[in-house]
Structures are given as structure tokens and as C-alpha cells.
Amino acid sequence: RNTSRNVPGTLQQYVVADARFLTRIPAGLKEEVAAPLLCAGLTMVGAVEKLDSSVFLQKAKRSEEGEFWVVNSDSGGGLGHLGIQIAVRNKGYRVIAIDSGAEKRRLSLECGAEAFVDFKTETDVPARVRELTGGEGAHATIVVPGTKEAFEMAPNLVRNMGMIVCVGCPRNDLELPISATMCAARGISIVGSSVGSEEQMSELLQQALEGRIEPVVKVHDFEDTADLINRFIDDGITGKVVVKIPQ
């Protein structure tokens, strides 16, 4: 059962939770840094870990050589900028970031992306990704936005035998707009990812305490909540926002 989706608990001062699913936050880690890691951070850890089953990554591990290209969409958002850091700093992957605007470009590159593709100004995003990856496409793409357009683009971003990791949550009745024939002919793998494990959560919090993973956050007062939600809908937020709940 998920807080806010199945039971109340979002934007409340207190909430009843099952102790089995709580994680101890390390002493010294600021609340505004820990907050986005408990959902967005763990979500992206889980998504990046899914790439371990990639055909290309298994081959690279066996041969101890080769590179692994990952496309991270919504790269300047709350999940995306953390995903870049996790993929680059924890795994050593080469990341191509997809998002729009100068602020999100700056943040994506600062987090470790090797290239940024603005989907609003680039006439052919998949072609640009192929150009950056030697003409073949990325080995994998993590689809963060919950939009039909993002999922439609995904198979065109990866090479044959590539992997698509589904993270974004569109409306419940939206089916994957990806051809089964294309998946079969090109050997594309599609996997879903929701969150990671308790062990991964503890490890991520420790990495943040040590400064290895750095959420980019802006703290706002509780009264700003409605405006922040509207800005989120309009794609007007870079990084992660944290709402300070009144005590």
C-alpha cells in the first residue's frame, strides 16, 4: 500500500507507518537532503540496478572492457538528476541526458551527463542519440516521464538488444505504445522498476552523508505547496523541491 495513492499521509505532520518499512536516517544528514532520497533516490537506484541484467553489460563484465551508454530522460527533474549521479558515480556509465531548457541542461551536465539533448529544440532526438553513440543508439534508456511521447520515443533511443526501463507512471489506462514486432525483431528488453531494496536505501543515505550523491533541492514553506504543484505540472521545476511541514 502506497502513501497518498492508497492511504493518507502526504504533506502531513504525522503519519502512521509500518515499522518494517522504515529506514533509519544517518545522524548528520540534513532532512532536506534525506527527503528526496527516500522516494526519488531509491526509485532511480532501483532503475539503474535493473541495467545489470542487460546483455551488453553482462558481455562487458565478462570481457572487462567496453562502455555502457544510458539515456536518462527528464534529466533535470527531481528523479532524473539523481539518476545521472547514480549511473555515473556508482556504475561508471556514460549518460546522455534528455530534457529541455538552459537550467536543466546545466544541472544535467553538472551531475555528470556527457551530453544533453533538448527535446524541444532538437529536430530528431533519436538521431542525435545515435550520433553520440557511434551510430548505434544507447545500450539502455530509463524512461522517467509518465507521458505517451516518452514511451513512444524509447525504442528509437536504444540499439538492437537494448533495454528500456519503465519508471514513469502515466495514467492507468495508458498501454505501452511500443510495437511487439519491433521488440521481437530487434531483441529489445522492457522491464519495469518501482523502487529499490532496504539495503539500497541505507547505502544511498550513507552516500549522501559522505557527499557522493548530492540531491539538488530548494526548500519551500508549506504555504507554497499549491504553487509548487502548478509549477510541476507546467514543467517549471529544476531539481527537487522540499516542502517544510509546520511543527
C-alpha atoms as a PDB file:
ATOM      1  CA  ARG A   1       0.000   0.000   0.000  1.00  0.00           C
ATOM      2  CA  ASN A   2       1.355   3.362  -1.048  1.00  0.00           C
ATOM      3  CA  THR A   3       1.069   6.582   0.937  1.00  0.00           C
ATOM      4  CA  SER A   4      -1.031   9.151  -0.970  1.00  0.00           C
ATOM      5  CA  ARG A   5      -2.104   6.585  -3.558  1.00  0.00           C
ATOM      6  CA  ASN A   6      -3.815   4.071  -1.252  1.00  0.00           C
ATOM      7  CA  VAL A   7      -3.751   5.674   2.195  1.00  0.00           C
ATOM      8  CA  PRO A   8      -3.473   9.252   3.552  1.00  0.00           C
ATOM      9  CA  GLY A   9      -0.133  10.620   4.657  1.00  0.00           C
ATOM     10  CA  THR A  10       1.251  13.116   2.152  1.00  0.00           C
ATOM     11  CA  LEU A  11       2.053  16.643   3.391  1.00  0.00           C
ATOM     12  CA  GLN A  12       1.079  15.770   6.965  1.00  0.00           C
ATOM     13  CA  GLN A  13       2.957  16.494  10.183  1.00  0.00           C
ATOM     14  CA  TYR A  14       2.476  12.941  11.395  1.00  0.00           C
ATOM     15  CA  VAL A  15       1.577   9.664   9.732  1.00  0.00           C
ATOM     16  CA  VAL A  16       1.236   6.087  10.953  1.00  0.00           C
ATOM     17  CA  ALA A  17       3.673   3.767   9.169  1.00  0.00           C
ATOM     18  CA  ASP A  18       4.561   0.089   9.300  1.00  0.00           C
ATOM     19  CA  ALA A  19       7.865  -0.138  11.175  1.00  0.00           C
ATOM     20  CA  ARG A  20       9.013  -2.942   8.881  1.00  0.00           C
ATOM     21  CA  PHE A  21       9.290  -0.479   6.019  1.00  0.00           C
ATOM     22  CA  LEU A  22      11.047   2.382   7.789  1.00  0.00           C
ATOM     23  CA  THR A  23      14.695   3.288   7.250  1.00  0.00           C
ATOM     24  CA  ARG A  24      16.940   4.873   9.848  1.00  0.00           C
ATOM     25  CA  ILE A  25      18.367   8.174   8.586  1.00  0.00           C
ATOM     26  CA  PRO A  26      22.065   8.605   9.463  1.00  0.00           C
ATOM     27  CA  ALA A  27      22.885  11.198  12.094  1.00  0.00           C
ATOM     28  CA  GLY A  28      24.239  14.340  10.490  1.00  0.00           C
ATOM     29  CA  LEU A  29      22.303  14.037   7.229  1.00  0.00           C
ATOM     30  CA  LYS A  30      20.137  17.098   6.694  1.00  0.00           C
ATOM     31  CA  GLU A  31      16.402  16.468   6.459  1.00  0.00           C
ATOM     32  CA  GLU A  32      16.079  18.324   3.160  1.00  0.00           C
ATOM     33  CA  VAL A  33      18.788  16.105   1.666  1.00  0.00           C
ATOM     34  CA  ALA A  34      17.339  12.859   3.000  1.00  0.00           C
ATOM     35  CA  ALA A  35      13.748  13.618   1.962  1.00  0.00           C
ATOM     36  CA  PRO A  36      14.123  13.279  -1.840  1.00  0.00           C
ATOM     37  CA  LEU A  37      16.275  10.176  -1.490  1.00  0.00           C
ATOM     38  CA  LEU A  38      13.525   8.258   0.312  1.00  0.00           C
ATOM     39  CA  CYS A  39      11.403   8.168  -2.834  1.00  0.00           C
ATOM     40  CA  ALA A  40      13.058   9.688  -5.897  1.00  0.00           C
ATOM     41  CA  GLY A  41      16.531   8.488  -4.969  1.00  0.00           C
ATOM     42  CA  LEU A  42      15.516   4.910  -4.219  1.00  0.00           C
ATOM     43  CA  THR A  43      13.405   4.825  -7.368  1.00  0.00           C
ATOM     44  CA  MET A  44      16.420   5.672  -9.503  1.00  0.00           C
ATOM     45  CA  VAL A  45      18.712   3.261  -7.655  1.00  0.00           C
ATOM     46  CA  GLY A  46      16.248   0.502  -8.463  1.00  0.00           C
ATOM     47  CA  ALA A  47      16.051   1.574 -12.103  1.00  0.00           C
ATOM     48  CA  VAL A  48      19.822   1.735 -12.569  1.00  0.00           C
ATOM     49  CA  GLU A  49      20.248  -1.656 -10.901  1.00  0.00           C
ATOM     50  CA  LYS A  50      17.885  -3.170 -13.484  1.00  0.00           C
ATOM     51  CA  LEU A  51      20.575  -2.489 -16.070  1.00  0.00           C
ATOM     52  CA  ASP A  52      22.739  -5.202 -14.509  1.00  0.00           C
ATOM     53  CA  SER A  53      20.739  -7.757 -16.498  1.00  0.00           C
ATOM     54  CA  SER A  54      21.477  -6.042 -19.819  1.00  0.00           C
ATOM     55  CA  VAL A  55      23.000  -8.287 -22.473  1.00  0.00           C
ATOM     56  CA  PHE A  56      25.626  -5.647 -23.236  1.00  0.00           C
ATOM     57  CA  LEU A  57      26.564  -5.092 -19.605  1.00  0.00           C
ATOM     58  CA  GLN A  58      26.947  -8.807 -18.968  1.00  0.00           C
ATOM     59  CA  LYS A  59      29.211  -9.039 -22.018  1.00  0.00           C
ATOM     60  CA  ALA A  60      31.270  -6.051 -20.861  1.00  0.00           C
ATOM     61  CA  LYS A  61      31.717  -7.595 -17.416  1.00  0.00           C
ATOM     62  CA  ARG A  62      32.895 -10.877 -18.911  1.00  0.00           C
ATOM     63  CA  SER A  63      35.396  -9.193 -21.212  1.00  0.00           C
ATOM     64  CA  GLU A  64      36.382  -6.476 -18.711  1.00  0.00           C
ATOM     65  CA  GLU A  65      36.173  -3.900 -21.441  1.00  0.00           C
ATOM     66  CA  GLY A  66      33.649  -1.842 -23.323  1.00  0.00           C
ATOM     67  CA  GLU A  67      31.432   1.096 -22.455  1.00  0.00           C
ATOM     68  CA  PHE A  68      27.791   1.351 -21.486  1.00  0.00           C
ATOM     69  CA  TRP A  69      25.638   4.218 -22.758  1.00  0.00           C
ATOM     70  CA  VAL A  70      22.441   5.116 -20.891  1.00  0.00           C
ATOM     71  CA  VAL A  71      19.811   7.668 -21.915  1.00  0.00           C
ATOM     72  CA  ASN A  72      18.207   9.363 -18.913  1.00  0.00           C
ATOM     73  CA  SER A  73      15.038  11.289 -19.788  1.00  0.00           C
ATOM     74  CA  ASP A  74      13.650  14.105 -17.624  1.00  0.00           C
ATOM     75  CA  SER A  75      17.276  14.553 -16.624  1.00  0.00           C
ATOM     76  CA  GLY A  76      16.919  17.918 -14.916  1.00  0.00           C
ATOM     77  CA  GLY A  77      13.998  16.901 -12.724  1.00  0.00           C
ATOM     78  CA  GLY A  78      13.802  15.505  -9.225  1.00  0.00           C
ATOM     79  CA  LEU A  79      14.369  11.894 -10.274  1.00  0.00           C
ATOM     80  CA  GLY A  80      16.455  12.484 -13.374  1.00  0.00           C
ATOM     81  CA  HIS A  81      19.314  14.451 -11.824  1.00  0.00           C
ATOM     82  CA  LEU A  82      19.687  11.800  -9.130  1.00  0.00           C
ATOM     83  CA  GLY A  83      19.602   9.069 -11.757  1.00  0.00           C
ATOM     84  CA  ILE A  84      22.516  10.665 -13.589  1.00  0.00           C
ATOM     85  CA  GLN A  85      24.617  10.779 -10.431  1.00  0.00           C
ATOM     86  CA  ILE A  86      23.808   7.185  -9.519  1.00  0.00           C
ATOM     87  CA  ALA A  87      24.563   5.898 -13.031  1.00  0.00           C
ATOM     88  CA  VAL A  88      27.804   7.852 -13.398  1.00  0.00           C
ATOM     89  CA  ARG A  89      29.254   7.847  -9.886  1.00  0.00           C
ATOM     90  CA  ASN A  90      28.150   4.399  -8.722  1.00  0.00           C
ATOM     91  CA  LYS A  91      28.340   2.500 -12.012  1.00  0.00           C
ATOM     92  CA  GLY A  92      30.617   4.442 -14.332  1.00  0.00           C
ATOM     93  CA  TYR A  93      28.039   4.553 -17.134  1.00  0.00           C
ATOM     94  CA  ARG A  94      28.127   7.193 -19.863  1.00  0.00           C
ATOM     95  CA  VAL A  95      24.887   9.167 -19.701  1.00  0.00           C
ATOM     96  CA  ILE A  96      23.050  11.127 -22.367  1.00  0.00           C
ATOM     97  CA  ALA A  97      20.540  13.449 -20.731  1.00  0.00           C
ATOM     98  CA  ILE A  98      17.240  14.414 -22.350  1.00  0.00           C
ATOM     99  CA  ASP A  99      15.215  17.373 -21.091  1.00  0.00           C
ATOM    100  CA  SER A 100      14.582  20.994 -22.068  1.00  0.00           C
ATOM    101  CA  GLY A 101      15.839  24.422 -21.113  1.00  0.00           C
ATOM    102  CA  ALA A 102      19.117  26.019 -20.067  1.00  0.00           C
ATOM    103  CA  GLU A 103      18.706  25.342 -16.333  1.00  0.00           C
ATOM    104  CA  LYS A 104      18.111  21.636 -16.820  1.00  0.00           C
ATOM    105  CA  ARG A 105      20.988  21.440 -19.272  1.00  0.00           C
ATOM    106  CA  ARG A 106      23.313  22.978 -16.701  1.00  0.00           C
ATOM    107  CA  LEU A 107      22.126  20.685 -13.903  1.00  0.00           C
ATOM    108  CA  SER A 108      22.313  17.554 -16.062  1.00  0.00           C
ATOM    109  CA  LEU A 109      25.886  18.249 -17.110  1.00  0.00           C
ATOM    110  CA  GLU A 110      26.927  19.191 -13.572  1.00  0.00           C
ATOM    111  CA  CYS A 111      25.581  15.855 -12.341  1.00  0.00           C
ATOM    112  CA  GLY A 112      27.806  14.000 -14.789  1.00  0.00           C
ATOM    113  CA  ALA A 113      25.976  13.606 -18.101  1.00  0.00           C
ATOM    114  CA  GLU A 114      28.323  13.617 -21.089  1.00  0.00           C
ATOM    115  CA  ALA A 115      25.787  15.187 -23.415  1.00  0.00           C
ATOM    116  CA  PHE A 116      22.431  16.950 -23.220  1.00  0.00           C
ATOM    117  CA  VAL A 117      19.703  16.758 -25.856  1.00  0.00           C
ATOM    118  CA  ASP A 118      16.930  19.353 -25.668  1.00  0.00           C
ATOM    119  CA  PHE A 119      13.791  17.602 -26.890  1.00  0.00           C
ATOM    120  CA  LYS A 120      12.065  20.925 -27.573  1.00  0.00           C
ATOM    121  CA  THR A 121      14.737  22.317 -29.884  1.00  0.00           C
ATOM    122  CA  GLU A 122      16.320  19.156 -31.327  1.00  0.00           C
ATOM    123  CA  THR A 123      14.533  18.204 -34.550  1.00  0.00           C
ATOM    124  CA  ASP A 124      15.363  14.490 -34.276  1.00  0.00           C
ATOM    125  CA  VAL A 125      16.238  13.318 -30.765  1.00  0.00           C
ATOM    126  CA  PRO A 126      16.851   9.623 -31.633  1.00  0.00           C
ATOM    127  CA  ALA A 127      19.152  10.635 -34.498  1.00  0.00           C
ATOM    128  CA  ARG A 128      21.153  12.835 -32.138  1.00  0.00           C
ATOM    129  CA  VAL A 129      21.458   9.959 -29.648  1.00  0.00           C
ATOM    130  CA  ARG A 130      22.692   7.648 -32.408  1.00  0.00           C
ATOM    131  CA  GLU A 131      25.215  10.274 -33.457  1.00  0.00           C
ATOM    132  CA  LEU A 132      26.547  10.457 -29.894  1.00  0.00           C
ATOM    133  CA  THR A 133      26.838   6.666 -29.618  1.00  0.00           C
ATOM    134  CA  GLY A 134      28.670   5.832 -32.819  1.00  0.00           C
ATOM    135  CA  GLY A 135      25.541   5.382 -34.900  1.00  0.00           C
ATOM    136  CA  GLU A 136      24.010   2.533 -32.897  1.00  0.00           C
ATOM    137  CA  GLY A 137      21.959   4.103 -30.119  1.00  0.00           C
ATOM    138  CA  ALA A 138      22.262   3.712 -26.367  1.00  0.00           C
ATOM    139  CA  HIS A 139      22.571   0.360 -24.643  1.00  0.00           C
ATOM    140  CA  ALA A 140      19.644   1.302 -22.405  1.00  0.00           C
ATOM    141  CA  THR A 141      17.206   4.074 -21.626  1.00  0.00           C
ATOM    142  CA  ILE A 142      15.457   4.879 -18.365  1.00  0.00           C
ATOM    143  CA  VAL A 143      12.050   6.416 -19.088  1.00  0.00           C
ATOM    144  CA  VAL A 144      11.253   8.772 -16.223  1.00  0.00           C
ATOM    145  CA  PRO A 145       8.425  10.943 -17.630  1.00  0.00           C
ATOM    146  CA  GLY A 146       4.967   9.441 -17.390  1.00  0.00           C
ATOM    147  CA  THR A 147       3.984  10.506 -20.896  1.00  0.00           C
ATOM    148  CA  LYS A 148       2.973   8.625 -24.014  1.00  0.00           C
ATOM    149  CA  GLU A 149       5.527  10.581 -26.037  1.00  0.00           C
ATOM    150  CA  ALA A 150       8.411   9.485 -23.795  1.00  0.00           C
ATOM    151  CA  PHE A 151       7.490   5.812 -24.142  1.00  0.00           C
ATOM    152  CA  GLU A 152       6.970   6.151 -27.900  1.00  0.00           C
ATOM    153  CA  MET A 153      10.470   7.548 -28.282  1.00  0.00           C
ATOM    154  CA  ALA A 154      12.171   4.969 -26.048  1.00  0.00           C
ATOM    155  CA  PRO A 155      12.696   2.101 -28.559  1.00  0.00           C
ATOM    156  CA  ASN A 156      14.214   4.557 -31.035  1.00  0.00           C
ATOM    157  CA  LEU A 157      16.838   5.598 -28.493  1.00  0.00           C
ATOM    158  CA  VAL A 158      18.347   2.147 -27.957  1.00  0.00           C
ATOM    159  CA  ARG A 159      20.368  -0.125 -30.225  1.00  0.00           C
ATOM    160  CA  ASN A 160      19.422  -3.687 -31.120  1.00  0.00           C
ATOM    161  CA  MET A 161      19.323  -5.858 -27.962  1.00  0.00           C
ATOM    162  CA  GLY A 162      18.925  -2.681 -25.916  1.00  0.00           C
ATOM    163  CA  MET A 163      16.924  -2.292 -22.712  1.00  0.00           C
ATOM    164  CA  ILE A 164      14.047   0.020 -21.798  1.00  0.00           C
ATOM    165  CA  VAL A 165      13.458   0.586 -18.077  1.00  0.00           C
ATOM    166  CA  CYS A 166       9.958   1.909 -17.342  1.00  0.00           C
ATOM    167  CA  VAL A 167       9.828   4.257 -14.345  1.00  0.00           C
ATOM    168  CA  GLY A 168       7.329   6.983 -15.238  1.00  0.00           C
ATOM    169  CA  CYS A 169       3.738   6.421 -14.140  1.00  0.00           C
ATOM    170  CA  PRO A 170       1.246   7.678 -16.733  1.00  0.00           C
ATOM    171  CA  ARG A 171      -2.490   7.368 -16.325  1.00  0.00           C
ATOM    172  CA  ASN A 172      -3.626   3.838 -15.539  1.00  0.00           C
ATOM    173  CA  ASP A 173      -5.277   3.193 -18.904  1.00  0.00           C
ATOM    174  CA  LEU A 174      -2.211   4.083 -20.988  1.00  0.00           C
ATOM    175  CA  GLU A 175      -0.724   0.997 -22.586  1.00  0.00           C
ATOM    176  CA  LEU A 176       2.859   0.908 -23.799  1.00  0.00           C
ATOM    177  CA  PRO A 177       2.856   2.403 -27.321  1.00  0.00           C
ATOM    178  CA  ILE A 178       5.642   0.048 -28.432  1.00  0.00           C
ATOM    179  CA  SER A 179       5.314  -2.475 -31.235  1.00  0.00           C
ATOM    180  CA  ALA A 180       5.669  -6.120 -30.183  1.00  0.00           C
ATOM    181  CA  THR A 181       7.099  -6.835 -33.634  1.00  0.00           C
ATOM    182  CA  MET A 182       9.803  -4.212 -33.108  1.00  0.00           C
ATOM    183  CA  CYS A 183      10.719  -5.706 -29.732  1.00  0.00           C
ATOM    184  CA  ALA A 184      10.975  -9.193 -31.197  1.00  0.00           C
ATOM    185  CA  ALA A 185      12.857  -8.212 -34.355  1.00  0.00           C
ATOM    186  CA  ARG A 186      15.363  -6.036 -32.536  1.00  0.00           C
ATOM    187  CA  GLY A 187      15.621  -8.064 -29.341  1.00  0.00           C
ATOM    188  CA  ILE A 188      14.625  -5.144 -27.129  1.00  0.00           C
ATOM    189  CA  SER A 189      14.025  -5.882 -23.442  1.00  0.00           C
ATOM    190  CA  ILE A 190      11.397  -3.952 -21.476  1.00  0.00           C
ATOM    191  CA  VAL A 191      11.483  -4.034 -17.679  1.00  0.00           C
ATOM    192  CA  GLY A 192       9.568  -2.153 -15.023  1.00  0.00           C
ATOM    193  CA  SER A 193      11.060  -0.572 -11.932  1.00  0.00           C
ATOM    194  CA  SER A 194       9.301   0.929  -8.937  1.00  0.00           C
ATOM    195  CA  VAL A 195      11.738   1.229  -6.031  1.00  0.00           C
ATOM    196  CA  GLY A 196      14.831  -0.433  -4.653  1.00  0.00           C
ATOM    197  CA  SER A 197      15.563  -2.500  -1.566  1.00  0.00           C
ATOM    198  CA  GLU A 198      16.040  -1.610   2.100  1.00  0.00           C
ATOM    199  CA  GLU A 199      19.753  -2.312   1.733  1.00  0.00           C
ATOM    200  CA  GLN A 200      19.984   0.029  -1.263  1.00  0.00           C
ATOM    201  CA  MET A 201      18.134   2.727   0.685  1.00  0.00           C
ATOM    202  CA  SER A 202      20.589   2.589   3.580  1.00  0.00           C
ATOM    203  CA  GLU A 203      23.539   2.622   1.184  1.00  0.00           C
ATOM    204  CA  LEU A 204      22.165   5.628  -0.698  1.00  0.00           C
ATOM    205  CA  LEU A 205      21.648   7.623   2.500  1.00  0.00           C
ATOM    206  CA  GLN A 206      25.223   6.857   3.531  1.00  0.00           C
ATOM    207  CA  GLN A 207      26.496   8.006   0.138  1.00  0.00           C
ATOM    208  CA  ALA A 208      24.615  11.278   0.596  1.00  0.00           C
ATOM    209  CA  LEU A 209      26.111  11.713   4.065  1.00  0.00           C
ATOM    210  CA  GLU A 210      29.568  11.288   2.525  1.00  0.00           C
ATOM    211  CA  GLY A 211      28.757  13.726  -0.303  1.00  0.00           C
ATOM    212  CA  ARG A 212      28.964  11.127  -3.078  1.00  0.00           C
ATOM    213  CA  ILE A 213      25.318  11.608  -4.065  1.00  0.00           C
ATOM    214  CA  GLU A 214      24.079  15.201  -3.847  1.00  0.00           C
ATOM    215  CA  PRO A 215      20.385  15.990  -4.279  1.00  0.00           C
ATOM    216  CA  VAL A 216      19.834  19.491  -5.618  1.00  0.00           C
ATOM    217  CA  VAL A 217      16.981  20.823  -3.507  1.00  0.00           C
ATOM    218  CA  LYS A 218      15.119  24.034  -2.824  1.00  0.00           C
ATOM    219  CA  VAL A 219      13.231  24.236   0.461  1.00  0.00           C
ATOM    220  CA  HIS A 220       9.839  25.950   0.463  1.00  0.00           C
ATOM    221  CA  ASP A 221       7.299  26.832   3.116  1.00  0.00           C
ATOM    222  CA  PHE A 222       4.141  24.776   3.426  1.00  0.00           C
ATOM    223  CA  GLU A 223       2.085  27.703   2.123  1.00  0.00           C
ATOM    224  CA  ASP A 224       3.866  27.414  -1.238  1.00  0.00           C
ATOM    225  CA  THR A 225       2.561  23.895  -1.879  1.00  0.00           C
ATOM    226  CA  ALA A 226      -0.245  24.759  -4.305  1.00  0.00           C
ATOM    227  CA  ASP A 227       2.037  26.976  -6.384  1.00  0.00           C
ATOM    228  CA  LEU A 228       4.724  24.290  -6.465  1.00  0.00           C
ATOM    229  CA  ILE A 229       2.253  21.696  -7.735  1.00  0.00           C
ATOM    230  CA  ASN A 230       1.191  24.038 -10.536  1.00  0.00           C
ATOM    231  CA  ARG A 231       4.819  24.683 -11.450  1.00  0.00           C
ATOM    232  CA  PHE A 232       5.433  20.949 -11.511  1.00  0.00           C
ATOM    233  CA  ILE A 233       2.519  20.466 -13.898  1.00  0.00           C
ATOM    234  CA  ASP A 234       3.960  23.179 -16.145  1.00  0.00           C
ATOM    235  CA  ASP A 235       7.423  21.550 -16.064  1.00  0.00           C
ATOM    236  CA  GLY A 236       8.793  24.604 -14.295  1.00  0.00           C
ATOM    237  CA  ILE A 237      10.895  22.909 -11.610  1.00  0.00           C
ATOM    238  CA  THR A 238      14.580  22.044 -11.857  1.00  0.00           C
ATOM    239  CA  GLY A 239      15.988  19.569  -9.368  1.00  0.00           C
ATOM    240  CA  LYS A 240      13.871  18.676  -6.353  1.00  0.00           C
ATOM    241  CA  VAL A 241      11.652  20.817  -4.153  1.00  0.00           C
ATOM    242  CA  VAL A 242      11.171  20.034  -0.471  1.00  0.00           C
ATOM    243  CA  VAL A 243       8.218  21.379   1.498  1.00  0.00           C
ATOM    244  CA  LYS A 244       8.884  22.269   5.132  1.00  0.00           C
ATOM    245  CA  ILE A 245       5.994  20.945   7.224  1.00  0.00           C
ATOM    246  CA  PRO A 246       4.989  23.218  10.156  1.00  0.00           C
ATOM    247  CA  GLN A 247       5.880  21.839  13.589  1.00  0.00           C
END
